[in-house]
Amino acid sequence: MRILFLIIGLLALVMGLIWTGQSAGLIQWPAQSFMINQSQWMWYGASTAFGGLLLILISRKV
């Protein structure tokens, strides 16, 4: 169970950071992405990254 939480947490953390970077305009890849410079996706990305971080922390305690 620890490894499953860790893998899902790492994937969610990376995905959330990418979403946040795209919505902030820091990551312009792919160029035609609908998330670029869209502030609502910054909140979605930050929430996803936070959830991933929580899963990583939980995996270390289980």
N, C-alpha and C. Protein backbone atom coordinates (compact mmCIF):
# COMPACT_ATOMS: atom_id res chain seq x y z
N MET A 1 0.83 -1.19 0.00
CA MET A 1 0.00 0.00 0.00
C MET A 1 0.87 1.25 0.00
N ARG A 2 2.02 1.18 0.68
CA ARG A 2 2.91 2.34 0.75
C ARG A 2 3.39 2.72 -0.64
N ILE A 3 3.78 1.73 -1.42
CA ILE A 3 4.33 2.02 -2.75
C ILE A 3 3.24 2.59 -3.66
N LEU A 4 2.02 2.07 -3.54
CA LEU A 4 0.92 2.59 -4.35
C LEU A 4 0.64 4.06 -4.03
N PHE A 5 0.57 4.39 -2.72
CA PHE A 5 0.36 5.79 -2.32
C PHE A 5 1.51 6.67 -2.79
N LEU A 6 2.72 6.16 -2.70
CA LEU A 6 3.88 6.94 -3.11
C LEU A 6 3.85 7.21 -4.62
N ILE A 7 3.56 6.21 -5.41
CA ILE A 7 3.53 6.39 -6.87
C ILE A 7 2.42 7.34 -7.28
N ILE A 8 1.23 7.14 -6.74
CA ILE A 8 0.11 8.03 -7.08
C ILE A 8 0.40 9.45 -6.59
N GLY A 9 0.99 9.58 -5.41
CA GLY A 9 1.33 10.89 -4.88
C GLY A 9 2.35 11.61 -5.73
N LEU A 10 3.38 10.90 -6.18
CA LEU A 10 4.40 11.52 -7.04
C LEU A 10 3.81 11.96 -8.37
N LEU A 11 2.97 11.10 -8.96
CA LEU A 11 2.33 11.47 -10.24
C LEU A 11 1.42 12.69 -10.07
N ALA A 12 0.65 12.72 -9.00
CA ALA A 12 -0.24 13.86 -8.75
C ALA A 12 0.56 15.13 -8.49
N LEU A 13 1.65 15.02 -7.76
CA LEU A 13 2.48 16.19 -7.49
C LEU A 13 3.07 16.76 -8.77
N VAL A 14 3.63 15.91 -9.61
CA VAL A 14 4.22 16.37 -10.87
C VAL A 14 3.14 16.95 -11.79
N MET A 15 2.01 16.27 -11.89
CA MET A 15 0.93 16.75 -12.74
C MET A 15 0.42 18.11 -12.25
N GLY A 16 0.26 18.26 -10.94
CA GLY A 16 -0.21 19.53 -10.38
C GLY A 16 0.77 20.66 -10.61
N LEU A 17 2.07 20.37 -10.49
CA LEU A 17 3.07 21.40 -10.74
C LEU A 17 3.09 21.81 -12.21
N ILE A 18 2.91 20.85 -13.11
CA ILE A 18 2.85 21.19 -14.54
C ILE A 18 1.63 22.04 -14.83
N TRP A 19 0.48 21.68 -14.28
CA TRP A 19 -0.73 22.48 -14.48
C TRP A 19 -0.55 23.88 -13.95
N THR A 20 0.04 24.01 -12.79
CA THR A 20 0.27 25.33 -12.20
C THR A 20 1.22 26.15 -13.06
N GLY A 21 2.29 25.52 -13.54
CA GLY A 21 3.24 26.22 -14.41
C GLY A 21 2.62 26.66 -15.72
N GLN A 22 1.79 25.82 -16.30
CA GLN A 22 1.12 26.20 -17.54
C GLN A 22 0.15 27.35 -17.32
N SER A 23 -0.62 27.27 -16.25
CA SER A 23 -1.62 28.32 -16.03
C SER A 23 -0.99 29.65 -15.65
N ALA A 24 0.21 29.60 -15.07
CA ALA A 24 0.92 30.83 -14.74
C ALA A 24 1.68 31.38 -15.94
N GLY A 25 1.73 30.63 -17.01
CA GLY A 25 2.43 31.07 -18.21
C GLY A 25 3.92 30.76 -18.18
N LEU A 26 4.37 29.99 -17.18
CA LEU A 26 5.79 29.64 -17.08
C LEU A 26 6.16 28.50 -18.01
N ILE A 27 5.21 27.61 -18.26
CA ILE A 27 5.43 26.47 -19.16
C ILE A 27 4.53 26.69 -20.37
N GLN A 28 5.12 26.87 -21.52
CA GLN A 28 4.36 27.13 -22.75
C GLN A 28 4.28 25.87 -23.63
N TRP A 29 4.18 24.72 -22.99
CA TRP A 29 4.15 23.46 -23.73
C TRP A 29 2.91 22.67 -23.34
N PRO A 30 2.19 22.13 -24.26
CA PRO A 30 2.23 22.36 -25.70
C PRO A 30 1.67 23.74 -26.03
N ALA A 31 2.10 24.28 -27.11
CA ALA A 31 1.79 25.67 -27.45
C ALA A 31 0.29 25.93 -27.59
N GLN A 32 -0.48 24.95 -27.99
CA GLN A 32 -1.92 25.15 -28.19
C GLN A 32 -2.75 24.70 -26.99
N SER A 33 -2.13 24.52 -25.83
CA SER A 33 -2.85 24.07 -24.63
C SER A 33 -3.86 25.11 -24.18
N PHE A 34 -5.03 24.64 -23.78
CA PHE A 34 -6.08 25.55 -23.32
C PHE A 34 -5.81 26.04 -21.89
N MET A 35 -4.83 25.48 -21.21
CA MET A 35 -4.55 25.86 -19.82
C MET A 35 -3.58 27.04 -19.70
N ILE A 36 -2.90 27.39 -20.76
CA ILE A 36 -1.88 28.44 -20.69
C ILE A 36 -2.53 29.78 -20.37
N ASN A 37 -2.01 30.43 -19.34
CA ASN A 37 -2.48 31.74 -18.86
C ASN A 37 -3.95 31.75 -18.44
N GLN A 38 -4.43 30.64 -17.90
CA GLN A 38 -5.79 30.55 -17.38
C GLN A 38 -5.71 30.36 -15.87
N SER A 39 -6.08 31.40 -15.12
CA SER A 39 -5.86 31.39 -13.67
C SER A 39 -6.65 30.31 -12.93
N GLN A 40 -7.78 29.88 -13.46
CA GLN A 40 -8.55 28.84 -12.77
C GLN A 40 -7.76 27.54 -12.69
N TRP A 41 -6.94 27.25 -13.69
CA TRP A 41 -6.14 26.03 -13.67
C TRP A 41 -5.00 26.11 -12.68
N MET A 42 -4.64 27.31 -12.26
CA MET A 42 -3.61 27.43 -11.23
C MET A 42 -4.13 26.84 -9.92
N TRP A 43 -5.38 27.08 -9.61
CA TRP A 43 -5.99 26.52 -8.39
C TRP A 43 -6.13 25.01 -8.50
N TYR A 44 -6.55 24.52 -9.67
CA TYR A 44 -6.67 23.07 -9.86
C TYR A 44 -5.30 22.40 -9.71
N GLY A 45 -4.29 23.01 -10.30
CA GLY A 45 -2.95 22.45 -10.23
C GLY A 45 -2.39 22.47 -8.81
N ALA A 46 -2.60 23.57 -8.12
CA ALA A 46 -2.11 23.67 -6.74
C ALA A 46 -2.82 22.66 -5.84
N SER A 47 -4.11 22.47 -6.04
CA SER A 47 -4.86 21.49 -5.25
C SER A 47 -4.39 20.08 -5.54
N THR A 48 -4.16 19.78 -6.79
CA THR A 48 -3.67 18.45 -7.17
C THR A 48 -2.28 18.21 -6.61
N ALA A 49 -1.41 19.19 -6.69
CA ALA A 49 -0.06 19.05 -6.14
C ALA A 49 -0.12 18.87 -4.62
N PHE A 50 -0.98 19.60 -3.95
CA PHE A 50 -1.12 19.46 -2.50
C PHE A 50 -1.63 18.07 -2.14
N GLY A 51 -2.62 17.58 -2.89
CA GLY A 51 -3.12 16.22 -2.66
C GLY A 51 -2.04 15.18 -2.87
N GLY A 52 -1.21 15.37 -3.90
CA GLY A 52 -0.09 14.46 -4.13
C GLY A 52 0.90 14.49 -2.99
N LEU A 53 1.18 15.68 -2.48
CA LEU A 53 2.10 15.81 -1.35
C LEU A 53 1.54 15.11 -0.11
N LEU A 54 0.24 15.23 0.11
CA LEU A 54 -0.38 14.53 1.24
C LEU A 54 -0.25 13.02 1.08
N LEU A 55 -0.47 12.51 -0.12
CA LEU A 55 -0.33 11.08 -0.35
C LEU A 55 1.10 10.61 -0.11
N ILE A 56 2.06 11.42 -0.51
CA ILE A 56 3.46 11.06 -0.26
C ILE A 56 3.73 11.01 1.23
N LEU A 57 3.24 11.99 1.97
CA LEU A 57 3.44 12.00 3.42
C LEU A 57 2.73 10.81 4.09
N ILE A 58 1.54 10.47 3.63
CA ILE A 58 0.82 9.33 4.17
C ILE A 58 1.58 8.04 3.89
N SER A 59 2.16 7.95 2.69
CA SER A 59 2.89 6.72 2.35
C SER A 59 4.12 6.53 3.23
N ARG A 60 4.65 7.58 3.75
CA ARG A 60 5.83 7.47 4.61
C ARG A 60 5.45 7.03 6.03
N LYS A 61 4.19 7.24 6.41
CA LYS A 61 3.76 6.90 7.76
C LYS A 61 3.06 5.55 7.86
N VAL A 62 2.60 5.04 6.74
CA VAL A 62 1.86 3.75 6.75
C VAL A 62 2.81 2.60 6.88
